[in-house]
């Protein structure tokens, strides 16, 4: 049995209002690396239902805010989440929300 590659790797991200197709090797690598971490996948699960700030995510996952902040940054750089800022009790809160609800990888 011979397996041949018939196309290029392509990533499709979809939400209710938008669908994008990514063919850039660099961006695809960022997405795959972001998803390779269990912590980052857990963050995605936590913010699926409602946006959360770093403090709440850290408390939910029983991790430090510094660690969660670094993980959120990688998810944001991969384009998988959106972050906004709002006033908090002790400064600014970074609110993370899921950007896409569907990821399709095609060859």
PDB file of N, CA and C in Angstrom:
ATOM      1  N   UNK A   1       0.842  -1.181   0.000  1.00  0.00           N
ATOM      2  CA  UNK A   1       0.000   0.000   0.000  1.00  0.00           C
ATOM      3  C   UNK A   1       0.881   1.235   0.000  1.00  0.00           C
ATOM      4  N   UNK A   2       0.613   2.113  -0.928  1.00  0.00           N
ATOM      5  CA  UNK A   2       1.403   3.326  -1.050  1.00  0.00           C
ATOM      6  C   UNK A   2       0.564   4.530  -0.651  1.00  0.00           C
ATOM      7  N   UNK A   3       1.146   5.373   0.196  1.00  0.00           N
ATOM      8  CA  UNK A   3       0.444   6.592   0.610  1.00  0.00           C
ATOM      9  C   UNK A   3       1.157   7.765  -0.035  1.00  0.00           C
ATOM     10  N   UNK A   4       0.391   8.582  -0.721  1.00  0.00           N
ATOM     11  CA  UNK A   4       0.981   9.759  -1.352  1.00  0.00           C
ATOM     12  C   UNK A   4       0.299  11.003  -0.811  1.00  0.00           C
ATOM     13  N   UNK A   5       1.059  12.084  -0.766  1.00  0.00           N
ATOM     14  CA  UNK A   5       0.500  13.348  -0.320  1.00  0.00           C
ATOM     15  C   UNK A   5      -0.091  14.042  -1.531  1.00  0.00           C
ATOM     16  N   UNK A   6      -1.368  14.384  -1.451  1.00  0.00           N
ATOM     17  CA  UNK A   6      -2.040  14.977  -2.606  1.00  0.00           C
ATOM     18  C   UNK A   6      -2.221  16.481  -2.482  1.00  0.00           C
ATOM     19  N   UNK A   7      -1.835  17.055  -1.376  1.00  0.00           N
ATOM     20  CA  UNK A   7      -2.017  18.484  -1.212  1.00  0.00           C
ATOM     21  C   UNK A   7      -1.099  19.019  -0.142  1.00  0.00           C
ATOM     22  N   UNK A   8      -1.376  20.233   0.244  1.00  0.00           N
ATOM     23  CA  UNK A   8      -0.593  20.832   1.316  1.00  0.00           C
ATOM     24  C   UNK A   8      -1.414  20.827   2.592  1.00  0.00           C
ATOM     25  N   UNK A   9      -0.711  20.910   3.704  1.00  0.00           N
ATOM     26  CA  UNK A   9      -1.398  20.967   4.985  1.00  0.00           C
ATOM     27  C   UNK A   9      -2.134  22.293   5.082  1.00  0.00           C
ATOM     28  N   UNK A  10      -3.378  22.215   5.478  1.00  0.00           N
ATOM     29  CA  UNK A  10      -4.211  23.393   5.574  1.00  0.00           C
ATOM     30  C   UNK A  10      -5.011  23.316   6.865  1.00  0.00           C
ATOM     31  N   UNK A  11      -5.166  24.426   7.535  1.00  0.00           N
ATOM     32  CA  UNK A  11      -5.939  24.480   8.767  1.00  0.00           C
ATOM     33  C   UNK A  11      -7.111  25.419   8.544  1.00  0.00           C
ATOM     34  N   UNK A  12      -8.306  24.962   8.897  1.00  0.00           N
ATOM     35  CA  UNK A  12      -9.513  25.788   8.811  1.00  0.00           C
ATOM     36  C   UNK A  12     -10.024  26.011  10.225  1.00  0.00           C
ATOM     37  N   UNK A  13     -10.248  27.247  10.564  1.00  0.00           N
ATOM     38  CA  UNK A  13     -10.792  27.595  11.868  1.00  0.00           C
ATOM     39  C   UNK A  13     -12.150  28.236  11.643  1.00  0.00           C
ATOM     40  N   UNK A  14     -13.145  27.772  12.391  1.00  0.00           N
ATOM     41  CA  UNK A  14     -14.504  28.264  12.190  1.00  0.00           C
ATOM     42  C   UNK A  14     -15.151  28.626  13.511  1.00  0.00           C
ATOM     43  N   UNK A  15     -15.889  29.721  13.491  1.00  0.00           N
ATOM     44  CA  UNK A  15     -16.805  30.021  14.571  1.00  0.00           C
ATOM     45  C   UNK A  15     -18.151  30.322  13.938  1.00  0.00           C
ATOM     46  N   UNK A  16     -19.095  30.802  14.687  1.00  0.00           N
ATOM     47  CA  UNK A  16     -20.438  31.004  14.148  1.00  0.00           C
ATOM     48  C   UNK A  16     -20.474  32.026  13.026  1.00  0.00           C
ATOM     49  N   UNK A  17     -19.621  33.041  13.098  1.00  0.00           N
ATOM     50  CA  UNK A  17     -19.694  34.122  12.124  1.00  0.00           C
ATOM     51  C   UNK A  17     -18.564  34.119  11.107  1.00  0.00           C
ATOM     52  N   UNK A  18     -17.561  33.315  11.319  1.00  0.00           N
ATOM     53  CA  UNK A  18     -16.358  33.454  10.518  1.00  0.00           C
ATOM     54  C   UNK A  18     -15.669  32.114  10.297  1.00  0.00           C
ATOM     55  N   UNK A  19     -15.036  32.003   9.152  1.00  0.00           N
ATOM     56  CA  UNK A  19     -14.216  30.837   8.853  1.00  0.00           C
ATOM     57  C   UNK A  19     -12.956  31.346   8.173  1.00  0.00           C
ATOM     58  N   UNK A  20     -11.797  30.867   8.617  1.00  0.00           N
ATOM     59  CA  UNK A  20     -10.561  31.258   7.952  1.00  0.00           C
ATOM     60  C   UNK A  20      -9.779  30.008   7.585  1.00  0.00           C
ATOM     61  N   UNK A  21      -9.001  30.127   6.559  1.00  0.00           N
ATOM     62  CA  UNK A  21      -8.149  29.037   6.109  1.00  0.00           C
ATOM     63  C   UNK A  21      -6.701  29.493   6.233  1.00  0.00           C
ATOM     64  N   UNK A  22      -5.879  28.666   6.856  1.00  0.00           N
ATOM     65  CA  UNK A  22      -4.477  29.002   7.059  1.00  0.00           C
ATOM     66  C   UNK A  22      -3.614  28.002   6.298  1.00  0.00           C
ATOM     67  N   UNK A  23      -2.765  28.516   5.446  1.00  0.00           N
ATOM     68  CA  UNK A  23      -1.853  27.655   4.684  1.00  0.00           C
ATOM     69  C   UNK A  23      -0.398  27.955   5.017  1.00  0.00           C
ATOM     70  N   UNK A  24      -0.157  28.969   5.826  1.00  0.00           N
ATOM     71  CA  UNK A  24       1.203  29.333   6.214  1.00  0.00           C
ATOM     72  C   UNK A  24       1.775  28.271   7.145  1.00  0.00           C
ATOM     73  N   UNK A  25       2.910  27.691   6.751  1.00  0.00           N
ATOM     74  CA  UNK A  25       3.562  26.677   7.586  1.00  0.00           C
ATOM     75  C   UNK A  25       3.855  27.215   8.977  1.00  0.00           C
ATOM     76  N   UNK A  26       4.303  28.458   9.059  1.00  0.00           N
ATOM     77  CA  UNK A  26       4.645  29.058  10.352  1.00  0.00           C
ATOM     78  C   UNK A  26       3.422  29.135  11.272  1.00  0.00           C
ATOM     79  N   UNK A  27       2.303  29.590  10.748  1.00  0.00           N
ATOM     80  CA  UNK A  27       1.093  29.715  11.573  1.00  0.00           C
ATOM     81  C   UNK A  27       0.540  28.338  11.946  1.00  0.00           C
ATOM     82  N   UNK A  28       0.594  27.402  11.031  1.00  0.00           N
ATOM     83  CA  UNK A  28       0.146  26.039  11.327  1.00  0.00           C
ATOM     84  C   UNK A  28       0.997  25.441  12.442  1.00  0.00           C
ATOM     85  N   UNK A  29       2.308  25.667  12.399  1.00  0.00           N
ATOM     86  CA  UNK A  29       3.189  25.164  13.458  1.00  0.00           C
ATOM     87  C   UNK A  29       2.846  25.787  14.806  1.00  0.00           C
ATOM     88  N   UNK A  30       2.521  27.091  14.828  1.00  0.00           N
ATOM     89  CA  UNK A  30       2.122  27.747  16.078  1.00  0.00           C
ATOM     90  C   UNK A  30       0.861  27.118  16.650  1.00  0.00           C
ATOM     91  N   UNK A  31      -0.102  26.821  15.778  1.00  0.00           N
ATOM     92  CA  UNK A  31      -1.362  26.217  16.227  1.00  0.00           C
ATOM     93  C   UNK A  31      -1.112  24.819  16.782  1.00  0.00           C
ATOM     94  N   UNK A  32      -0.348  24.018  16.045  1.00  0.00           N
ATOM     95  CA  UNK A  32      -0.076  22.650  16.477  1.00  0.00           C
ATOM     96  C   UNK A  32       0.711  22.644  17.790  1.00  0.00           C
ATOM     97  N   UNK A  33       1.702  23.518  17.919  1.00  0.00           N
ATOM     98  CA  UNK A  33       2.461  23.607  19.163  1.00  0.00           C
ATOM     99  C   UNK A  33       1.573  24.063  20.317  1.00  0.00           C
ATOM    100  N   UNK A  34       0.691  25.012  20.050  1.00  0.00           N
ATOM    101  CA  UNK A  34      -0.212  25.490  21.099  1.00  0.00           C
ATOM    102  C   UNK A  34      -1.108  24.362  21.590  1.00  0.00           C
ATOM    103  N   UNK A  35      -1.558  23.522  20.686  1.00  0.00           N
ATOM    104  CA  UNK A  35      -2.451  22.421  21.054  1.00  0.00           C
ATOM    105  C   UNK A  35      -1.708  21.226  21.640  1.00  0.00           C
ATOM    106  N   UNK A  36      -0.388  21.228  21.553  1.00  0.00           N
ATOM    107  CA  UNK A  36       0.381  20.087  22.067  1.00  0.00           C
ATOM    108  C   UNK A  36       0.490  20.085  23.592  1.00  0.00           C
ATOM    109  N   UNK A  37       0.136  21.178  24.222  1.00  0.00           N
ATOM    110  CA  UNK A  37       0.230  21.281  25.676  1.00  0.00           C
ATOM    111  C   UNK A  37      -1.112  20.968  26.341  1.00  0.00           C
ATOM    112  N   UNK A  38      -1.086  20.049  27.299  1.00  0.00           N
ATOM    113  CA  UNK A  38      -2.312  19.705  28.038  1.00  0.00           C
ATOM    114  C   UNK A  38      -2.852  20.931  28.775  1.00  0.00           C
ATOM    115  N   UNK A  39      -1.969  21.728  29.339  1.00  0.00           N
ATOM    116  CA  UNK A  39      -2.405  22.937  30.058  1.00  0.00           C
ATOM    117  C   UNK A  39      -3.142  23.882  29.123  1.00  0.00           C
ATOM    118  N   UNK A  40      -2.594  24.094  27.941  1.00  0.00           N
ATOM    119  CA  UNK A  40      -3.257  24.998  26.989  1.00  0.00           C
ATOM    120  C   UNK A  40      -4.590  24.424  26.515  1.00  0.00           C
ATOM    121  N   UNK A  41      -4.655  23.119  26.330  1.00  0.00           N
ATOM    122  CA  UNK A  41      -5.942  22.503  25.958  1.00  0.00           C
ATOM    123  C   UNK A  41      -6.946  22.666  27.101  1.00  0.00           C
ATOM    124  N   UNK A  42      -6.491  22.530  28.346  1.00  0.00           N
ATOM    125  CA  UNK A  42      -7.377  22.733  29.492  1.00  0.00           C
ATOM    126  C   UNK A  42      -7.882  24.170  29.559  1.00  0.00           C
ATOM    127  N   UNK A  43      -7.023  25.112  29.225  1.00  0.00           N
ATOM    128  CA  UNK A  43      -7.451  26.512  29.184  1.00  0.00           C
ATOM    129  C   UNK A  43      -8.546  26.691  28.142  1.00  0.00           C
ATOM    130  N   UNK A  44      -8.351  26.114  26.972  1.00  0.00           N
ATOM    131  CA  UNK A  44      -9.374  26.213  25.916  1.00  0.00           C
ATOM    132  C   UNK A  44     -10.707  25.639  26.386  1.00  0.00           C
ATOM    133  N   UNK A  45     -10.659  24.504  27.087  1.00  0.00           N
ATOM    134  CA  UNK A  45     -11.892  23.905  27.610  1.00  0.00           C
ATOM    135  C   UNK A  45     -12.567  24.833  28.615  1.00  0.00           C
ATOM    136  N   UNK A  46     -11.775  25.461  29.492  1.00  0.00           N
ATOM    137  CA  UNK A  46     -12.332  26.318  30.539  1.00  0.00           C
ATOM    138  C   UNK A  46     -13.014  27.551  29.967  1.00  0.00           C
ATOM    139  N   UNK A  47     -12.453  28.118  28.896  1.00  0.00           N
ATOM    140  CA  UNK A  47     -13.018  29.357  28.367  1.00  0.00           C
ATOM    141  C   UNK A  47     -14.019  29.129  27.236  1.00  0.00           C
ATOM    142  N   UNK A  48     -14.329  27.880  26.950  1.00  0.00           N
ATOM    143  CA  UNK A  48     -15.291  27.583  25.893  1.00  0.00           C
ATOM    144  C   UNK A  48     -16.678  28.131  26.210  1.00  0.00           C
ATOM    145  N   UNK A  49     -17.124  27.962  27.417  1.00  0.00           N
ATOM    146  CA  UNK A  49     -18.470  28.381  27.806  1.00  0.00           C
ATOM    147  C   UNK A  49     -18.563  29.876  28.069  1.00  0.00           C
ATOM    148  N   UNK A  50     -17.543  30.424  28.730  1.00  0.00           N
ATOM    149  CA  UNK A  50     -17.551  31.858  29.031  1.00  0.00           C
ATOM    150  C   UNK A  50     -16.126  32.365  29.146  1.00  0.00           C
ATOM    151  N   UNK A  51     -15.901  33.617  28.749  1.00  0.00           N
ATOM    152  CA  UNK A  51     -14.566  34.206  28.893  1.00  0.00           C
ATOM    153  C   UNK A  51     -14.157  34.244  30.366  1.00  0.00           C
ATOM    154  N   UNK A  52     -12.867  34.105  30.605  1.00  0.00           N
ATOM    155  CA  UNK A  52     -12.345  34.122  31.969  1.00  0.00           C
ATOM    156  C   UNK A  52     -11.056  34.931  32.010  1.00  0.00           C
ATOM    157  N   UNK A  53     -10.776  35.493  33.192  1.00  0.00           N
ATOM    158  CA  UNK A  53      -9.506  36.181  33.358  1.00  0.00           C
ATOM    159  C   UNK A  53      -8.443  35.189  33.845  1.00  0.00           C
ATOM    160  N   UNK A  54      -7.199  35.630  33.783  1.00  0.00           N
ATOM    161  CA  UNK A  54      -6.070  34.772  34.122  1.00  0.00           C
ATOM    162  C   UNK A  54      -6.191  34.242  35.550  1.00  0.00           C
ATOM    163  N   UNK A  55      -6.616  35.085  36.484  1.00  0.00           N
ATOM    164  CA  UNK A  55      -6.747  34.665  37.893  1.00  0.00           C
ATOM    165  C   UNK A  55      -7.739  33.520  38.041  1.00  0.00           C
ATOM    166  N   UNK A  56      -8.881  33.626  37.383  1.00  0.00           N
ATOM    167  CA  UNK A  56      -9.902  32.572  37.474  1.00  0.00           C
ATOM    168  C   UNK A  56      -9.456  31.286  36.793  1.00  0.00           C
ATOM    169  N   UNK A  57      -8.786  31.417  35.661  1.00  0.00           N
ATOM    170  CA  UNK A  57      -8.276  30.222  34.979  1.00  0.00           C
ATOM    171  C   UNK A  57      -7.259  29.528  35.882  1.00  0.00           C
ATOM    172  N   UNK A  58      -6.349  30.322  36.466  1.00  0.00           N
ATOM    173  CA  UNK A  58      -5.322  29.764  37.352  1.00  0.00           C
ATOM    174  C   UNK A  58      -5.963  29.054  38.537  1.00  0.00           C
ATOM    175  N   UNK A  59      -6.971  29.663  39.131  1.00  0.00           N
ATOM    176  CA  UNK A  59      -7.649  29.047  40.274  1.00  0.00           C
ATOM    177  C   UNK A  59      -8.338  27.753  39.863  1.00  0.00           C
ATOM    178  N   UNK A  60      -8.991  27.754  38.706  1.00  0.00           N
ATOM    179  CA  UNK A  60      -9.678  26.563  38.205  1.00  0.00           C
ATOM    180  C   UNK A  60      -8.723  25.414  37.921  1.00  0.00           C
ATOM    181  N   UNK A  61      -7.535  25.732  37.441  1.00  0.00           N
ATOM    182  CA  UNK A  61      -6.571  24.698  37.075  1.00  0.00           C
ATOM    183  C   UNK A  61      -5.544  24.442  38.177  1.00  0.00           C
ATOM    184  N   UNK A  62      -5.675  25.172  39.283  1.00  0.00           N
ATOM    185  CA  UNK A  62      -4.761  25.030  40.422  1.00  0.00           C
ATOM    186  C   UNK A  62      -3.309  25.247  39.988  1.00  0.00           C
ATOM    187  N   UNK A  63      -3.090  26.344  39.269  1.00  0.00           N
ATOM    188  CA  UNK A  63      -1.768  26.697  38.767  1.00  0.00           C
ATOM    189  C   UNK A  63      -1.499  28.167  39.086  1.00  0.00           C
ATOM    190  N   UNK A  64      -0.267  28.597  38.885  1.00  0.00           N
ATOM    191  CA  UNK A  64       0.074  29.985  39.158  1.00  0.00           C
ATOM    192  C   UNK A  64      -0.432  30.893  38.034  1.00  0.00           C
ATOM    193  N   UNK A  65      -0.696  32.138  38.397  1.00  0.00           N
ATOM    194  CA  UNK A  65      -1.135  33.113  37.400  1.00  0.00           C
ATOM    195  C   UNK A  65      -0.040  33.366  36.366  1.00  0.00           C
ATOM    196  N   UNK A  66       1.220  33.348  36.796  1.00  0.00           N
ATOM    197  CA  UNK A  66       2.337  33.563  35.873  1.00  0.00           C
ATOM    198  C   UNK A  66       2.370  32.469  34.793  1.00  0.00           C
ATOM    199  N   UNK A  67       2.175  31.218  35.206  1.00  0.00           N
ATOM    200  CA  UNK A  67       2.164  30.116  34.249  1.00  0.00           C
ATOM    201  C   UNK A  67       0.988  30.252  33.282  1.00  0.00           C
ATOM    202  N   UNK A  68      -0.191  30.522  33.818  1.00  0.00           N
ATOM    203  CA  UNK A  68      -1.381  30.648  32.965  1.00  0.00           C
ATOM    204  C   UNK A  68      -1.221  31.820  32.009  1.00  0.00           C
ATOM    205  N   UNK A  69      -0.670  32.922  32.489  1.00  0.00           N
ATOM    206  CA  UNK A  69      -0.451  34.084  31.633  1.00  0.00           C
ATOM    207  C   UNK A  69       0.450  33.736  30.455  1.00  0.00           C
ATOM    208  N   UNK A  70       1.512  32.979  30.701  1.00  0.00           N
ATOM    209  CA  UNK A  70       2.418  32.557  29.625  1.00  0.00           C
ATOM    210  C   UNK A  70       1.709  31.631  28.638  1.00  0.00           C
ATOM    211  N   UNK A  71       0.882  30.732  29.155  1.00  0.00           N
ATOM    212  CA  UNK A  71       0.150  29.793  28.290  1.00  0.00           C
ATOM    213  C   UNK A  71      -0.899  30.526  27.455  1.00  0.00           C
ATOM    214  N   UNK A  72      -1.578  31.487  28.061  1.00  0.00           N
ATOM    215  CA  UNK A  72      -2.575  32.296  27.351  1.00  0.00           C
ATOM    216  C   UNK A  72      -1.900  33.065  26.216  1.00  0.00           C
ATOM    217  N   UNK A  73      -0.716  33.579  26.473  1.00  0.00           N
ATOM    218  CA  UNK A  73       0.018  34.312  25.437  1.00  0.00           C
ATOM    219  C   UNK A  73       0.296  33.422  24.229  1.00  0.00           C
ATOM    220  N   UNK A  74       0.684  32.175  24.463  1.00  0.00           N
ATOM    221  CA  UNK A  74       0.952  31.255  23.347  1.00  0.00           C
ATOM    222  C   UNK A  74      -0.317  30.939  22.565  1.00  0.00           C
ATOM    223  N   UNK A  75      -1.433  30.785  23.262  1.00  0.00           N
ATOM    224  CA  UNK A  75      -2.710  30.539  22.583  1.00  0.00           C
ATOM    225  C   UNK A  75      -3.130  31.754  21.755  1.00  0.00           C
ATOM    226  N   UNK A  76      -2.871  32.927  22.311  1.00  0.00           N
ATOM    227  CA  UNK A  76      -3.212  34.164  21.602  1.00  0.00           C
ATOM    228  C   UNK A  76      -2.331  34.328  20.363  1.00  0.00           C
ATOM    229  N   UNK A  77      -1.034  34.051  20.499  1.00  0.00           N
ATOM    230  CA  UNK A  77      -0.111  34.146  19.360  1.00  0.00           C
ATOM    231  C   UNK A  77      -0.471  33.152  18.259  1.00  0.00           C
ATOM    232  N   UNK A  78      -1.020  32.010  18.634  1.00  0.00           N
ATOM    233  CA  UNK A  78      -1.442  31.008  17.649  1.00  0.00           C
ATOM    234  C   UNK A  78      -2.760  31.393  16.988  1.00  0.00           C
ATOM    235  N   UNK A  79      -3.426  32.411  17.523  1.00  0.00           N
ATOM    236  CA  UNK A  79      -4.689  32.867  16.943  1.00  0.00           C
ATOM    237  C   UNK A  79      -5.892  32.065  17.392  1.00  0.00           C
ATOM    238  N   UNK A  80      -5.757  31.279  18.459  1.00  0.00           N
ATOM    239  CA  UNK A  80      -6.853  30.427  18.922  1.00  0.00           C
ATOM    240  C   UNK A  80      -7.766  31.110  19.936  1.00  0.00           C
ATOM    241  N   UNK A  81      -7.263  32.160  20.590  1.00  0.00           N
ATOM    242  CA  UNK A  81      -8.092  32.897  21.549  1.00  0.00           C
ATOM    243  C   UNK A  81      -7.943  34.394  21.307  1.00  0.00           C
ATOM    244  N   UNK A  82      -8.891  35.133  21.869  1.00  0.00           N
ATOM    245  CA  UNK A  82      -8.839  36.588  21.854  1.00  0.00           C
ATOM    246  C   UNK A  82      -8.749  37.061  23.293  1.00  0.00           C
ATOM    247  N   UNK A  83      -8.023  38.131  23.518  1.00  0.00           N
ATOM    248  CA  UNK A  83      -7.906  38.683  24.863  1.00  0.00           C
ATOM    249  C   UNK A  83      -8.316  40.142  24.846  1.00  0.00           C
ATOM    250  N   UNK A  84      -8.984  40.532  25.901  1.00  0.00           N
ATOM    251  CA  UNK A  84      -9.354  41.926  26.087  1.00  0.00           C
ATOM    252  C   UNK A  84      -8.985  42.312  27.508  1.00  0.00           C
ATOM    253  N   UNK A  85      -8.968  43.569  27.767  1.00  0.00           N
ATOM    254  CA  UNK A  85      -8.560  44.063  29.083  1.00  0.00           C
ATOM    255  C   UNK A  85      -9.678  44.881  29.699  1.00  0.00           C
ATOM    256  N   UNK A  86      -9.841  44.731  31.010  1.00  0.00           N
ATOM    257  CA  UNK A  86     -10.856  45.467  31.745  1.00  0.00           C
ATOM    258  C   UNK A  86     -10.305  45.808  33.132  1.00  0.00           C
ATOM    259  N   UNK A  87     -10.889  46.793  33.755  1.00  0.00           N
ATOM    260  CA  UNK A  87     -10.453  47.177  35.098  1.00  0.00           C
ATOM    261  C   UNK A  87     -10.792  46.088  36.090  1.00  0.00           C
ATOM    262  N   UNK A  88      -9.903  45.888  37.035  1.00  0.00           N
ATOM    263  CA  UNK A  88     -10.114  44.911  38.086  1.00  0.00           C
ATOM    264  C   UNK A  88      -9.887  45.536  39.446  1.00  0.00           C
ATOM    265  N   UNK A  89     -10.039  44.753  40.489  1.00  0.00           N
ATOM    266  CA  UNK A  89      -9.838  45.253  41.847  1.00  0.00           C
ATOM    267  C   UNK A  89      -8.402  45.693  42.093  1.00  0.00           C
ATOM    268  N   UNK A  90      -7.459  45.024  41.471  1.00  0.00           N
ATOM    269  CA  UNK A  90      -6.043  45.314  41.690  1.00  0.00           C
ATOM    270  C   UNK A  90      -5.331  45.572  40.370  1.00  0.00           C
ATOM    271  N   UNK A  91      -5.873  46.429  39.550  1.00  0.00           N
ATOM    272  CA  UNK A  91      -5.251  46.735  38.267  1.00  0.00           C
ATOM    273  C   UNK A  91      -6.098  46.248  37.112  1.00  0.00           C
ATOM    274  N   UNK A  92      -5.433  45.887  36.046  1.00  0.00           N
ATOM    275  CA  UNK A  92      -6.102  45.476  34.815  1.00  0.00           C
ATOM    276  C   UNK A  92      -6.245  43.959  34.780  1.00  0.00           C
ATOM    277  N   UNK A  93      -7.407  43.480  34.342  1.00  0.00           N
ATOM    278  CA  UNK A  93      -7.650  42.044  34.174  1.00  0.00           C
ATOM    279  C   UNK A  93      -7.589  41.710  32.691  1.00  0.00           C
ATOM    280  N   UNK A  94      -6.907  40.630  32.379  1.00  0.00           N
ATOM    281  CA  UNK A  94      -6.833  40.138  30.997  1.00  0.00           C
ATOM    282  C   UNK A  94      -7.870  39.043  30.857  1.00  0.00           C
ATOM    283  N   UNK A  95      -8.882  39.292  30.015  1.00  0.00           N
ATOM    284  CA  UNK A  95      -9.981  38.354  29.807  1.00  0.00           C
ATOM    285  C   UNK A  95      -9.725  37.570  28.518  1.00  0.00           C
ATOM    286  N   UNK A  96      -9.742  36.254  28.621  1.00  0.00           N
ATOM    287  CA  UNK A  96      -9.512  35.382  27.458  1.00  0.00           C
ATOM    288  C   UNK A  96     -10.814  34.741  27.026  1.00  0.00           C
ATOM    289  N   UNK A  97     -11.034  34.734  25.721  1.00  0.00           N
ATOM    290  CA  UNK A  97     -12.211  34.053  25.182  1.00  0.00           C
ATOM    291  C   UNK A  97     -11.802  33.256  23.951  1.00  0.00           C
ATOM    292  N   UNK A  98     -12.529  32.200  23.721  1.00  0.00           N
ATOM    293  CA  UNK A  98     -12.231  31.318  22.602  1.00  0.00           C
ATOM    294  C   UNK A  98     -12.591  32.036  21.304  1.00  0.00           C
ATOM    295  N   UNK A  99     -11.750  31.911  20.316  1.00  0.00           N
ATOM    296  CA  UNK A  99     -11.967  32.613  19.050  1.00  0.00           C
ATOM    297  C   UNK A  99     -12.703  31.737  18.041  1.00  0.00           C
ATOM    298  N   UNK A 100     -12.398  30.443  18.063  1.00  0.00           N
ATOM    299  CA  UNK A 100     -13.001  29.528  17.096  1.00  0.00           C
ATOM    300  C   UNK A 100     -13.523  28.299  17.821  1.00  0.00           C
ATOM    301  N   UNK A 101     -14.615  27.748  17.336  1.00  0.00           N
ATOM    302  CA  UNK A 101     -15.162  26.540  17.971  1.00  0.00           C
ATOM    303  C   UNK A 101     -14.909  25.288  17.137  1.00  0.00           C
ATOM    304  N   UNK A 102     -14.215  25.454  16.032  1.00  0.00           N
ATOM    305  CA  UNK A 102     -13.950  24.289  15.183  1.00  0.00           C
ATOM    306  C   UNK A 102     -12.602  24.440  14.510  1.00  0.00           C
ATOM    307  N   UNK A 103     -11.825  23.379  14.539  1.00  0.00           N
ATOM    308  CA  UNK A 103     -10.512  23.343  13.891  1.00  0.00           C
ATOM    309  C   UNK A 103     -10.491  22.142  12.961  1.00  0.00           C
ATOM    310  N   UNK A 104     -10.220  22.377  11.698  1.00  0.00           N
ATOM    311  CA  UNK A 104     -10.170  21.293  10.709  1.00  0.00           C
ATOM    312  C   UNK A 104      -8.780  21.332  10.071  1.00  0.00           C
ATOM    313  N   UNK A 105      -8.095  20.200  10.105  1.00  0.00           N
ATOM    314  CA  UNK A 105      -6.783  20.102   9.464  1.00  0.00           C
ATOM    315  C   UNK A 105      -6.929  19.194   8.252  1.00  0.00           C
ATOM    316  N   UNK A 106      -6.567  19.706   7.099  1.00  0.00           N
ATOM    317  CA  UNK A 106      -6.704  18.942   5.849  1.00  0.00           C
ATOM    318  C   UNK A 106      -5.345  18.783   5.186  1.00  0.00           C
ATOM    319  N   UNK A 107      -5.206  17.695   4.452  1.00  0.00           N
ATOM    320  CA  UNK A 107      -4.021  17.444   3.637  1.00  0.00           C
ATOM    321  C   UNK A 107      -4.405  17.525   2.194  1.00  0.00           C
TER     322      UNK A 107
END
